[in-house]
Amino acid sequence: MSTPYSLAVPDAFAASYGHDNPSGRAWIDRLPQLADAMLSRWELRVSGPVAHGMASVVLPVTRADGTPAVLKLQQEREETAGAASGLRAWGGGGVVRMLDHDPGSASMLLERLDASRPLSSVADDGEAMRVLAGLLARMTAVAAPPDVRRLADIATAMLAEVPRAVEGLADPDERRLLRTCASAVAELVGEAGDRLLHWDAHYDNVLAGEREPWLAIDPEPLAGDPGFELLPAMDNRWAEVVVPDGVTRTVLRRFDLLTEALGLDRRRATGWTLGRVLQNGLWDIEDGRSALEPAQVAIAGVLLSHR
């Protein structure tokens, strides 16, 4: 009988995951038992140190046949509930391949990628953006399965929040901007799209692989218009690249590259990018902030002046 694996839950992960969240704290307490159960179920051997992001713990493992893989453990939440369904629909096309899934715990066995080589390690920003645009084009070419969240529902809920939330912003110009973003969404919400979206595709959510040079990770699948995918790509490396290279020029270069690669109507893509600024602004206000992210204010301003 094999010795049970005793997962040492990283302190930083435990602190952030369970903060003011009783169900999260309970899940953290059960995490070592879950890890051991999944390792046993899938006949896995731990072959590297534990890592974690904001919402999941990741264990490098080796399968019984010697294949390297990754065991991803996460509490199923609204934003991750469709992850397995989305990964199945993509089938590894531009995205990490799911090797197995336990619906009861939301645990996933994934192909091993090179976590030491994110797309952000590519020095040439133009090259990195072309890689990301190509992956987005492939991902959004796939029709969303019926069990993932819908942008139409999310956009409708956002619009309902605006009258209350906008009063939380200190700057009158930012209040006007948020209302402008809401107006753009209101024009598009009736045709919110049915493509399978990643929802968080940026340089650090793309890793080098062997099966393909670059593959996206950590999707939060959504059925919607591909224009809603652009903002996380556009504000990559803001202080490092965009500001030094010129905000207007760099934002428009990235927007042109992304809309061309994905075959998007520029006006609709502008509207849904403003929708993403709206979503992030509502989240910030809910978190108690009284100002919008400067990078996103700048992106919205550039797109509004060039639509």
C-alpha atoms as a PDB file:
ATOM      1  CA  MET A   1       0.000   0.000   0.000  1.00  0.00           C
ATOM      2  CA  SER A   2       1.426   3.390  -1.045  1.00  0.00           C
ATOM      3  CA  THR A   3       2.166   6.078   1.510  1.00  0.00           C
ATOM      4  CA  PRO A   4      -0.482   8.852   1.441  1.00  0.00           C
ATOM      5  CA  TYR A   5       0.760  12.114  -0.056  1.00  0.00           C
ATOM      6  CA  SER A   6       0.720  14.993   2.402  1.00  0.00           C
ATOM      7  CA  LEU A   7       0.230  18.244   0.517  1.00  0.00           C
ATOM      8  CA  ALA A   8       1.735  21.298   2.221  1.00  0.00           C
ATOM      9  CA  VAL A   9      -0.752  24.006   1.244  1.00  0.00           C
ATOM     10  CA  PRO A  10       1.197  27.222   0.542  1.00  0.00           C
ATOM     11  CA  ASP A  11       0.514  29.779   3.269  1.00  0.00           C
ATOM     12  CA  ALA A  12      -0.058  32.628   0.805  1.00  0.00           C
ATOM     13  CA  PHE A  13      -2.592  30.576  -1.135  1.00  0.00           C
ATOM     14  CA  ALA A  14      -4.439  29.510   2.001  1.00  0.00           C
ATOM     15  CA  ALA A  15      -4.566  33.077   3.305  1.00  0.00           C
ATOM     16  CA  SER A  16      -5.934  34.586   0.103  1.00  0.00           C
ATOM     17  CA  TYR A  17      -8.290  31.763  -0.777  1.00  0.00           C
ATOM     18  CA  GLY A  18      -9.989  31.455   2.582  1.00  0.00           C
ATOM     19  CA  HIS A  19     -10.076  35.123   3.578  1.00  0.00           C
ATOM     20  CA  ASP A  20     -13.632  36.062   4.695  1.00  0.00           C
ATOM     21  CA  ASN A  21     -14.875  32.940   2.924  1.00  0.00           C
ATOM     22  CA  PRO A  22     -16.032  30.052   5.113  1.00  0.00           C
ATOM     23  CA  SER A  23     -16.547  27.689   2.191  1.00  0.00           C
ATOM     24  CA  GLY A  24     -13.083  28.550   0.896  1.00  0.00           C
ATOM     25  CA  ARG A  25     -11.524  27.921   4.284  1.00  0.00           C
ATOM     26  CA  ALA A  26     -13.310  24.576   4.528  1.00  0.00           C
ATOM     27  CA  TRP A  27     -12.050  23.661   1.060  1.00  0.00           C
ATOM     28  CA  ILE A  28      -8.484  24.594   2.045  1.00  0.00           C
ATOM     29  CA  ASP A  29      -8.777  22.345   5.081  1.00  0.00           C
ATOM     30  CA  ARG A  30      -9.821  19.423   2.842  1.00  0.00           C
ATOM     31  CA  LEU A  31      -7.208  20.128   0.174  1.00  0.00           C
ATOM     32  CA  PRO A  32      -4.513  17.675   1.397  1.00  0.00           C
ATOM     33  CA  GLN A  33      -7.043  14.834   1.410  1.00  0.00           C
ATOM     34  CA  LEU A  34      -8.279  15.836  -2.044  1.00  0.00           C
ATOM     35  CA  ALA A  35      -4.750  15.874  -3.438  1.00  0.00           C
ATOM     36  CA  ASP A  36      -4.027  12.402  -2.100  1.00  0.00           C
ATOM     37  CA  ALA A  37      -7.329  11.061  -3.435  1.00  0.00           C
ATOM     38  CA  MET A  38      -6.722  12.404  -6.951  1.00  0.00           C
ATOM     39  CA  LEU A  39      -3.131  11.153  -7.029  1.00  0.00           C
ATOM     40  CA  SER A  40      -4.364   7.688  -6.078  1.00  0.00           C
ATOM     41  CA  ARG A  41      -7.337   7.711  -8.441  1.00  0.00           C
ATOM     42  CA  TRP A  42      -5.277   8.639 -11.479  1.00  0.00           C
ATOM     43  CA  GLU A  43      -2.142   6.713 -10.441  1.00  0.00           C
ATOM     44  CA  LEU A  44       0.065   9.770 -10.334  1.00  0.00           C
ATOM     45  CA  ARG A  45       3.450  10.396  -8.780  1.00  0.00           C
ATOM     46  CA  VAL A  46       4.361  13.922  -7.660  1.00  0.00           C
ATOM     47  CA  SER A  47       7.442  15.017  -9.594  1.00  0.00           C
ATOM     48  CA  GLY A  48       8.010  18.637  -8.633  1.00  0.00           C
ATOM     49  CA  PRO A  49       7.236  21.386  -6.126  1.00  0.00           C
ATOM     50  CA  VAL A  50       3.699  22.630  -5.608  1.00  0.00           C
ATOM     51  CA  ALA A  51       2.763  25.893  -7.306  1.00  0.00           C
ATOM     52  CA  HIS A  52      -0.338  28.050  -7.114  1.00  0.00           C
ATOM     53  CA  GLY A  53      -2.124  30.975  -8.669  1.00  0.00           C
ATOM     54  CA  MET A  54      -5.035  32.984  -7.348  1.00  0.00           C
ATOM     55  CA  ALA A  55      -7.588  30.166  -7.480  1.00  0.00           C
ATOM     56  CA  SER A  56      -5.820  26.838  -7.824  1.00  0.00           C
ATOM     57  CA  VAL A  57      -2.988  24.641  -6.606  1.00  0.00           C
ATOM     58  CA  VAL A  58      -0.924  22.886  -9.257  1.00  0.00           C
ATOM     59  CA  LEU A  59       1.188  19.767  -8.766  1.00  0.00           C
ATOM     60  CA  PRO A  60       3.637  18.542 -11.425  1.00  0.00           C
ATOM     61  CA  VAL A  61       3.022  14.798 -11.700  1.00  0.00           C
ATOM     62  CA  THR A  62       4.024  11.763 -13.704  1.00  0.00           C
ATOM     63  CA  ARG A  63       1.425   9.288 -14.947  1.00  0.00           C
ATOM     64  CA  ALA A  64       1.782   5.539 -14.629  1.00  0.00           C
ATOM     65  CA  ASP A  65       3.035   5.320 -18.224  1.00  0.00           C
ATOM     66  CA  GLY A  66       5.729   7.941 -17.561  1.00  0.00           C
ATOM     67  CA  THR A  67       3.916  10.846 -19.213  1.00  0.00           C
ATOM     68  CA  PRO A  68       4.476  14.195 -17.469  1.00  0.00           C
ATOM     69  CA  ALA A  69       1.287  16.017 -16.520  1.00  0.00           C
ATOM     70  CA  VAL A  70      -0.122  18.551 -14.078  1.00  0.00           C
ATOM     71  CA  LEU A  71      -2.757  18.022 -11.398  1.00  0.00           C
ATOM     72  CA  LYS A  72      -4.846  21.151 -10.936  1.00  0.00           C
ATOM     73  CA  LEU A  73      -6.937  21.423  -7.771  1.00  0.00           C
ATOM     74  CA  GLN A  74      -9.492  24.214  -7.433  1.00  0.00           C
ATOM     75  CA  GLN A  75     -12.733  24.890  -5.680  1.00  0.00           C
ATOM     76  CA  GLU A  76     -15.518  25.006  -8.234  1.00  0.00           C
ATOM     77  CA  ARG A  77     -16.801  28.552  -8.411  1.00  0.00           C
ATOM     78  CA  GLU A  78     -18.941  30.452 -10.882  1.00  0.00           C
ATOM     79  CA  GLU A  79     -15.984  31.655 -12.939  1.00  0.00           C
ATOM     80  CA  THR A  80     -14.410  28.199 -13.238  1.00  0.00           C
ATOM     81  CA  ALA A  81     -17.537  26.034 -13.487  1.00  0.00           C
ATOM     82  CA  GLY A  82     -17.306  25.765 -17.285  1.00  0.00           C
ATOM     83  CA  ALA A  83     -13.543  25.188 -17.497  1.00  0.00           C
ATOM     84  CA  ALA A  84     -13.719  21.449 -18.185  1.00  0.00           C
ATOM     85  CA  SER A  85     -16.501  21.865 -20.736  1.00  0.00           C
ATOM     86  CA  GLY A  86     -14.533  24.567 -22.525  1.00  0.00           C
ATOM     87  CA  LEU A  87     -11.329  22.553 -22.578  1.00  0.00           C
ATOM     88  CA  ARG A  88     -13.201  19.581 -24.033  1.00  0.00           C
ATOM     89  CA  ALA A  89     -14.702  21.781 -26.752  1.00  0.00           C
ATOM     90  CA  TRP A  90     -11.301  23.215 -27.704  1.00  0.00           C
ATOM     91  CA  GLY A  91      -9.734  19.750 -27.710  1.00  0.00           C
ATOM     92  CA  GLY A  92      -6.242  21.141 -27.226  1.00  0.00           C
ATOM     93  CA  GLY A  93      -6.446  23.520 -30.184  1.00  0.00           C
ATOM     94  CA  GLY A  94      -4.318  26.437 -29.009  1.00  0.00           C
ATOM     95  CA  VAL A  95      -5.147  25.566 -25.393  1.00  0.00           C
ATOM     96  CA  VAL A  96      -3.706  23.205 -22.804  1.00  0.00           C
ATOM     97  CA  ARG A  97      -5.139  19.700 -23.252  1.00  0.00           C
ATOM     98  CA  MET A  98      -7.255  18.206 -20.487  1.00  0.00           C
ATOM     99  CA  LEU A  99      -6.318  14.571 -19.891  1.00  0.00           C
ATOM    100  CA  ASP A 100      -8.910  13.758 -17.226  1.00  0.00           C
ATOM    101  CA  HIS A 101     -11.498  15.461 -15.057  1.00  0.00           C
ATOM    102  CA  ASP A 102     -13.245  14.714 -11.775  1.00  0.00           C
ATOM    103  CA  PRO A 103     -16.623  16.528 -11.878  1.00  0.00           C
ATOM    104  CA  GLY A 104     -17.243  15.985  -8.186  1.00  0.00           C
ATOM    105  CA  SER A 105     -14.224  18.014  -7.076  1.00  0.00           C
ATOM    106  CA  ALA A 106     -13.499  20.072 -10.233  1.00  0.00           C
ATOM    107  CA  SER A 107      -9.982  18.571 -10.236  1.00  0.00           C
ATOM    108  CA  MET A 108      -8.290  18.345 -13.637  1.00  0.00           C
ATOM    109  CA  LEU A 109      -5.360  16.442 -15.041  1.00  0.00           C
ATOM    110  CA  LEU A 110      -3.679  18.560 -17.706  1.00  0.00           C
ATOM    111  CA  GLU A 111      -0.792  18.202 -20.104  1.00  0.00           C
ATOM    112  CA  ARG A 112       2.487  19.573 -18.728  1.00  0.00           C
ATOM    113  CA  LEU A 113       3.655  22.872 -20.170  1.00  0.00           C
ATOM    114  CA  ASP A 114       6.773  24.898 -19.372  1.00  0.00           C
ATOM    115  CA  ALA A 115       5.731  27.166 -16.507  1.00  0.00           C
ATOM    116  CA  SER A 116       9.142  28.849 -16.609  1.00  0.00           C
ATOM    117  CA  ARG A 117       8.448  30.185 -20.122  1.00  0.00           C
ATOM    118  CA  PRO A 118       5.284  32.316 -20.261  1.00  0.00           C
ATOM    119  CA  LEU A 119       4.627  34.377 -23.366  1.00  0.00           C
ATOM    120  CA  SER A 120       5.657  37.423 -21.338  1.00  0.00           C
ATOM    121  CA  SER A 121       9.237  36.095 -21.577  1.00  0.00           C
ATOM    122  CA  VAL A 122       9.274  36.957 -25.310  1.00  0.00           C
ATOM    123  CA  ALA A 123      11.114  40.258 -25.522  1.00  0.00           C
ATOM    124  CA  ASP A 124       9.627  41.407 -28.851  1.00  0.00           C
ATOM    125  CA  ASP A 125       6.165  42.724 -28.000  1.00  0.00           C
ATOM    126  CA  GLY A 126       5.018  42.549 -31.611  1.00  0.00           C
ATOM    127  CA  GLU A 127       5.928  38.883 -31.791  1.00  0.00           C
ATOM    128  CA  ALA A 128       4.234  38.132 -28.467  1.00  0.00           C
ATOM    129  CA  MET A 129       1.059  39.930 -29.521  1.00  0.00           C
ATOM    130  CA  ARG A 130       0.959  38.043 -32.831  1.00  0.00           C
ATOM    131  CA  VAL A 131       1.195  34.742 -30.935  1.00  0.00           C
ATOM    132  CA  LEU A 132      -1.609  35.756 -28.596  1.00  0.00           C
ATOM    133  CA  ALA A 133      -3.769  37.006 -31.467  1.00  0.00           C
ATOM    134  CA  GLY A 134      -3.306  33.715 -33.302  1.00  0.00           C
ATOM    135  CA  LEU A 135      -4.352  31.723 -30.249  1.00  0.00           C
ATOM    136  CA  LEU A 136      -7.395  33.939 -29.716  1.00  0.00           C
ATOM    137  CA  ALA A 137      -8.416  33.500 -33.353  1.00  0.00           C
ATOM    138  CA  ARG A 138      -8.298  29.727 -32.971  1.00  0.00           C
ATOM    139  CA  MET A 139     -10.129  29.669 -29.652  1.00  0.00           C
ATOM    140  CA  THR A 140     -12.932  31.993 -30.736  1.00  0.00           C
ATOM    141  CA  ALA A 141     -13.506  29.995 -33.928  1.00  0.00           C
ATOM    142  CA  VAL A 142     -15.079  27.292 -31.735  1.00  0.00           C
ATOM    143  CA  ALA A 143     -18.788  27.425 -30.884  1.00  0.00           C
ATOM    144  CA  ALA A 144     -19.434  27.578 -27.159  1.00  0.00           C
ATOM    145  CA  PRO A 145     -20.990  24.490 -25.554  1.00  0.00           C
ATOM    146  CA  PRO A 146     -24.431  25.054 -24.005  1.00  0.00           C
ATOM    147  CA  ASP A 147     -23.322  24.735 -20.376  1.00  0.00           C
ATOM    148  CA  VAL A 148     -20.967  27.723 -20.154  1.00  0.00           C
ATOM    149  CA  ARG A 149     -21.976  31.181 -18.996  1.00  0.00           C
ATOM    150  CA  ARG A 150     -23.347  33.618 -21.563  1.00  0.00           C
ATOM    151  CA  LEU A 151     -22.057  37.120 -22.210  1.00  0.00           C
ATOM    152  CA  ALA A 152     -25.649  38.233 -22.853  1.00  0.00           C
ATOM    153  CA  ASP A 153     -26.569  37.421 -19.259  1.00  0.00           C
ATOM    154  CA  ILE A 154     -23.418  38.949 -17.814  1.00  0.00           C
ATOM    155  CA  ALA A 155     -23.806  42.142 -19.863  1.00  0.00           C
ATOM    156  CA  THR A 156     -27.443  42.509 -18.810  1.00  0.00           C
ATOM    157  CA  ALA A 157     -26.440  42.152 -15.159  1.00  0.00           C
ATOM    158  CA  MET A 158     -23.671  44.728 -15.602  1.00  0.00           C
ATOM    159  CA  LEU A 159     -26.067  47.296 -17.043  1.00  0.00           C
ATOM    160  CA  ALA A 160     -28.366  46.869 -14.061  1.00  0.00           C
ATOM    161  CA  GLU A 161     -25.483  47.691 -11.681  1.00  0.00           C
ATOM    162  CA  VAL A 162     -24.321  50.894 -13.372  1.00  0.00           C
ATOM    163  CA  PRO A 163     -26.705  53.500 -11.836  1.00  0.00           C
ATOM    164  CA  ARG A 164     -25.734  52.495  -8.303  1.00  0.00           C
ATOM    165  CA  ALA A 165     -22.071  51.709  -8.889  1.00  0.00           C
ATOM    166  CA  VAL A 166     -21.124  54.819 -10.843  1.00  0.00           C
ATOM    167  CA  GLU A 167     -21.669  56.975  -7.749  1.00  0.00           C
ATOM    168  CA  GLY A 168     -18.720  55.193  -6.150  1.00  0.00           C
ATOM    169  CA  LEU A 169     -16.274  56.914  -8.498  1.00  0.00           C
ATOM    170  CA  ALA A 170     -14.690  60.122  -7.243  1.00  0.00           C
ATOM    171  CA  ASP A 171     -13.806  61.633 -10.646  1.00  0.00           C
ATOM    172  CA  PRO A 172     -16.729  63.048 -12.692  1.00  0.00           C
ATOM    173  CA  ASP A 173     -14.852  62.232 -15.910  1.00  0.00           C
ATOM    174  CA  GLU A 174     -14.592  58.594 -14.866  1.00  0.00           C
ATOM    175  CA  ARG A 175     -18.299  58.531 -14.022  1.00  0.00           C
ATOM    176  CA  ARG A 176     -19.022  59.808 -17.539  1.00  0.00           C
ATOM    177  CA  LEU A 177     -16.683  57.214 -19.022  1.00  0.00           C
ATOM    178  CA  LEU A 178     -18.400  54.378 -17.192  1.00  0.00           C
ATOM    179  CA  ARG A 179     -21.782  55.574 -18.459  1.00  0.00           C
ATOM    180  CA  THR A 180     -20.361  55.776 -21.988  1.00  0.00           C
ATOM    181  CA  CYS A 181     -19.138  52.187 -21.668  1.00  0.00           C
ATOM    182  CA  ALA A 182     -22.594  51.160 -20.471  1.00  0.00           C
ATOM    183  CA  SER A 183     -24.217  52.842 -23.477  1.00  0.00           C
ATOM    184  CA  ALA A 184     -21.917  50.912 -25.801  1.00  0.00           C
ATOM    185  CA  VAL A 185     -22.874  47.625 -24.132  1.00  0.00           C
ATOM    186  CA  ALA A 186     -26.587  48.491 -24.249  1.00  0.00           C
ATOM    187  CA  GLU A 187     -26.312  48.823 -28.050  1.00  0.00           C
ATOM    188  CA  LEU A 188     -24.726  45.368 -28.383  1.00  0.00           C
ATOM    189  CA  VAL A 189     -26.315  43.245 -25.661  1.00  0.00           C
ATOM    190  CA  GLY A 190     -29.000  41.927 -28.001  1.00  0.00           C
ATOM    191  CA  GLU A 191     -26.326  40.330 -30.190  1.00  0.00           C
ATOM    192  CA  ALA A 192     -23.809  39.129 -27.632  1.00  0.00           C
ATOM    193  CA  GLY A 193     -22.444  36.206 -29.680  1.00  0.00           C
ATOM    194  CA  ASP A 194     -21.962  32.470 -29.273  1.00  0.00           C
ATOM    195  CA  ARG A 195     -18.214  31.898 -29.668  1.00  0.00           C
ATOM    196  CA  LEU A 196     -16.188  30.143 -26.972  1.00  0.00           C
ATOM    197  CA  LEU A 197     -14.174  32.806 -25.135  1.00  0.00           C
ATOM    198  CA  HIS A 198     -11.203  32.323 -22.820  1.00  0.00           C
ATOM    199  CA  TRP A 199     -12.028  35.534 -20.860  1.00  0.00           C
ATOM    200  CA  ASP A 200      -8.533  36.023 -19.409  1.00  0.00           C
ATOM    201  CA  ALA A 201      -6.104  35.646 -22.306  1.00  0.00           C
ATOM    202  CA  HIS A 202      -2.945  37.619 -21.592  1.00  0.00           C
ATOM    203  CA  TYR A 203       0.784  36.910 -21.855  1.00  0.00           C
ATOM    204  CA  ASP A 204       1.115  35.199 -18.477  1.00  0.00           C
ATOM    205  CA  ASN A 205      -1.758  32.836 -19.300  1.00  0.00           C
ATOM    206  CA  VAL A 206       0.136  31.437 -22.279  1.00  0.00           C
ATOM    207  CA  LEU A 207       2.946  28.942 -21.718  1.00  0.00           C
ATOM    208  CA  ALA A 208       5.489  27.260 -23.974  1.00  0.00           C
ATOM    209  CA  GLY A 209       4.726  23.649 -24.844  1.00  0.00           C
ATOM    210  CA  GLU A 210       6.069  20.694 -26.790  1.00  0.00           C
ATOM    211  CA  ARG A 211       2.910  19.720 -28.686  1.00  0.00           C
ATOM    212  CA  GLU A 212       2.602  23.319 -29.873  1.00  0.00           C
ATOM    213  CA  PRO A 213       5.020  26.211 -29.318  1.00  0.00           C
ATOM    214  CA  TRP A 214       2.516  28.165 -27.212  1.00  0.00           C
ATOM    215  CA  LEU A 215      -0.714  27.149 -25.480  1.00  0.00           C
ATOM    216  CA  ALA A 216      -3.242  29.096 -23.410  1.00  0.00           C
ATOM    217  CA  ILE A 217      -3.997  28.071 -19.833  1.00  0.00           C
ATOM    218  CA  ASP A 218      -6.524  28.927 -17.095  1.00  0.00           C
ATOM    219  CA  PRO A 219      -9.612  29.703 -19.191  1.00  0.00           C
ATOM    220  CA  GLU A 220     -12.830  30.947 -17.615  1.00  0.00           C
ATOM    221  CA  PRO A 221     -15.060  29.926 -20.540  1.00  0.00           C
ATOM    222  CA  LEU A 222     -17.818  32.187 -21.732  1.00  0.00           C
ATOM    223  CA  ALA A 223     -20.172  32.157 -24.735  1.00  0.00           C
ATOM    224  CA  GLY A 224     -20.005  35.507 -26.453  1.00  0.00           C
ATOM    225  CA  ASP A 225     -18.585  37.969 -28.955  1.00  0.00           C
ATOM    226  CA  PRO A 226     -14.813  37.704 -29.535  1.00  0.00           C
ATOM    227  CA  GLY A 227     -14.529  41.467 -29.092  1.00  0.00           C
ATOM    228  CA  PHE A 228     -14.951  40.861 -25.363  1.00  0.00           C
ATOM    229  CA  GLU A 229     -11.582  39.039 -25.378  1.00  0.00           C
ATOM    230  CA  LEU A 230      -9.367  41.945 -26.396  1.00  0.00           C
ATOM    231  CA  LEU A 231      -8.789  44.058 -23.279  1.00  0.00           C
ATOM    232  CA  PRO A 232      -6.581  41.597 -21.313  1.00  0.00           C
ATOM    233  CA  ALA A 233      -4.341  41.389 -24.379  1.00  0.00           C
ATOM    234  CA  MET A 234      -4.258  45.137 -24.931  1.00  0.00           C
ATOM    235  CA  ASP A 235      -3.099  46.166 -21.466  1.00  0.00           C
ATOM    236  CA  ASN A 236      -0.240  43.652 -21.243  1.00  0.00           C
ATOM    237  CA  ARG A 237       3.088  45.196 -20.186  1.00  0.00           C
ATOM    238  CA  TRP A 238       1.510  48.618 -19.726  1.00  0.00           C
ATOM    239  CA  ALA A 239       4.341  50.291 -17.818  1.00  0.00           C
ATOM    240  CA  GLU A 240       7.038  48.239 -19.522  1.00  0.00           C
ATOM    241  CA  VAL A 241       6.021  48.615 -23.188  1.00  0.00           C
ATOM    242  CA  VAL A 242       2.901  50.665 -23.829  1.00  0.00           C
ATOM    243  CA  VAL A 243       3.788  53.856 -21.983  1.00  0.00           C
ATOM    244  CA  PRO A 244       7.414  54.002 -23.252  1.00  0.00           C
ATOM    245  CA  ASP A 245       6.341  53.214 -26.843  1.00  0.00           C
ATOM    246  CA  GLY A 246       3.476  55.735 -26.843  1.00  0.00           C
ATOM    247  CA  VAL A 247       0.011  54.919 -25.556  1.00  0.00           C
ATOM    248  CA  THR A 248      -2.069  55.914 -28.582  1.00  0.00           C
ATOM    249  CA  ARG A 249       0.258  54.314 -31.117  1.00  0.00           C
ATOM    250  CA  THR A 250       0.660  51.074 -29.160  1.00  0.00           C
ATOM    251  CA  VAL A 251      -3.027  50.694 -28.294  1.00  0.00           C
ATOM    252  CA  LEU A 252      -4.028  51.190 -31.931  1.00  0.00           C
ATOM    253  CA  ARG A 253      -1.306  48.831 -33.156  1.00  0.00           C
ATOM    254  CA  ARG A 254      -2.497  46.118 -30.813  1.00  0.00           C
ATOM    255  CA  PHE A 255      -6.167  46.751 -31.587  1.00  0.00           C
ATOM    256  CA  ASP A 256      -5.508  46.614 -35.330  1.00  0.00           C
ATOM    257  CA  LEU A 257      -3.528  43.385 -35.016  1.00  0.00           C
ATOM    258  CA  LEU A 258      -6.133  41.692 -32.820  1.00  0.00           C
ATOM    259  CA  THR A 259      -9.196  42.723 -34.819  1.00  0.00           C
ATOM    260  CA  GLU A 260      -7.545  41.693 -38.087  1.00  0.00           C
ATOM    261  CA  ALA A 261      -6.409  38.315 -36.737  1.00  0.00           C
ATOM    262  CA  LEU A 262      -9.866  37.555 -35.311  1.00  0.00           C
ATOM    263  CA  GLY A 263     -11.752  38.993 -38.304  1.00  0.00           C
ATOM    264  CA  LEU A 264     -13.721  41.431 -36.155  1.00  0.00           C
ATOM    265  CA  ASP A 265     -15.775  44.463 -37.030  1.00  0.00           C
ATOM    266  CA  ARG A 266     -13.848  47.316 -35.437  1.00  0.00           C
ATOM    267  CA  ARG A 267     -16.891  49.185 -34.160  1.00  0.00           C
ATOM    268  CA  ARG A 268     -18.327  46.118 -32.448  1.00  0.00           C
ATOM    269  CA  ALA A 269     -14.903  45.234 -31.079  1.00  0.00           C
ATOM    270  CA  THR A 270     -14.600  48.750 -29.666  1.00  0.00           C
ATOM    271  CA  GLY A 271     -18.008  48.423 -28.026  1.00  0.00           C
ATOM    272  CA  TRP A 272     -17.218  45.097 -26.381  1.00  0.00           C
ATOM    273  CA  THR A 273     -13.792  46.347 -25.256  1.00  0.00           C
ATOM    274  CA  LEU A 274     -15.592  49.235 -23.563  1.00  0.00           C
ATOM    275  CA  GLY A 275     -17.819  46.561 -22.048  1.00  0.00           C
ATOM    276  CA  ARG A 276     -14.764  44.934 -20.576  1.00  0.00           C
ATOM    277  CA  VAL A 277     -13.672  48.277 -19.111  1.00  0.00           C
ATOM    278  CA  LEU A 278     -17.161  48.519 -17.633  1.00  0.00           C
ATOM    279  CA  GLN A 279     -16.931  45.057 -16.107  1.00  0.00           C
ATOM    280  CA  ASN A 280     -13.542  45.707 -14.541  1.00  0.00           C
ATOM    281  CA  GLY A 281     -14.710  49.082 -13.268  1.00  0.00           C
ATOM    282  CA  LEU A 282     -17.752  47.541 -11.596  1.00  0.00           C
ATOM    283  CA  TRP A 283     -15.534  44.942  -9.947  1.00  0.00           C
ATOM    284  CA  ASP A 284     -13.159  47.660  -8.693  1.00  0.00           C
ATOM    285  CA  ILE A 285     -16.030  49.697  -7.249  1.00  0.00           C
ATOM    286  CA  GLU A 286     -17.419  46.594  -5.558  1.00  0.00           C
ATOM    287  CA  ASP A 287     -13.986  46.095  -3.994  1.00  0.00           C
ATOM    288  CA  GLY A 288     -14.176  49.574  -2.491  1.00  0.00           C
ATOM    289  CA  ARG A 289     -12.040  51.488  -4.989  1.00  0.00           C
ATOM    290  CA  SER A 290     -13.071  54.960  -6.061  1.00  0.00           C
ATOM    291  CA  ALA A 291     -11.058  55.184  -9.294  1.00  0.00           C
ATOM    292  CA  LEU A 292     -10.749  53.167 -12.483  1.00  0.00           C
ATOM    293  CA  GLU A 293      -7.500  51.534 -13.572  1.00  0.00           C
ATOM    294  CA  PRO A 294      -5.496  54.224 -15.446  1.00  0.00           C
ATOM    295  CA  ALA A 295      -4.457  51.821 -18.207  1.00  0.00           C
ATOM    296  CA  GLN A 296      -8.052  50.927 -18.960  1.00  0.00           C
ATOM    297  CA  VAL A 297      -9.145  54.561 -18.885  1.00  0.00           C
ATOM    298  CA  ALA A 298      -6.415  55.276 -21.427  1.00  0.00           C
ATOM    299  CA  ILE A 299      -7.420  52.352 -23.685  1.00  0.00           C
ATOM    300  CA  ALA A 300     -11.052  53.424 -23.612  1.00  0.00           C
ATOM    301  CA  GLY A 301     -10.078  56.998 -24.431  1.00  0.00           C
ATOM    302  CA  VAL A 302      -7.958  55.965 -27.418  1.00  0.00           C
ATOM    303  CA  LEU A 303     -10.653  53.698 -28.852  1.00  0.00           C
ATOM    304  CA  LEU A 304     -13.415  56.249 -28.335  1.00  0.00           C
ATOM    305  CA  SER A 305     -11.419  58.923 -30.155  1.00  0.00           C
ATOM    306  CA  HIS A 306     -10.635  56.627 -33.094  1.00  0.00           C
ATOM    307  CA  ARG A 307     -13.890  54.726 -33.671  1.00  0.00           C
END
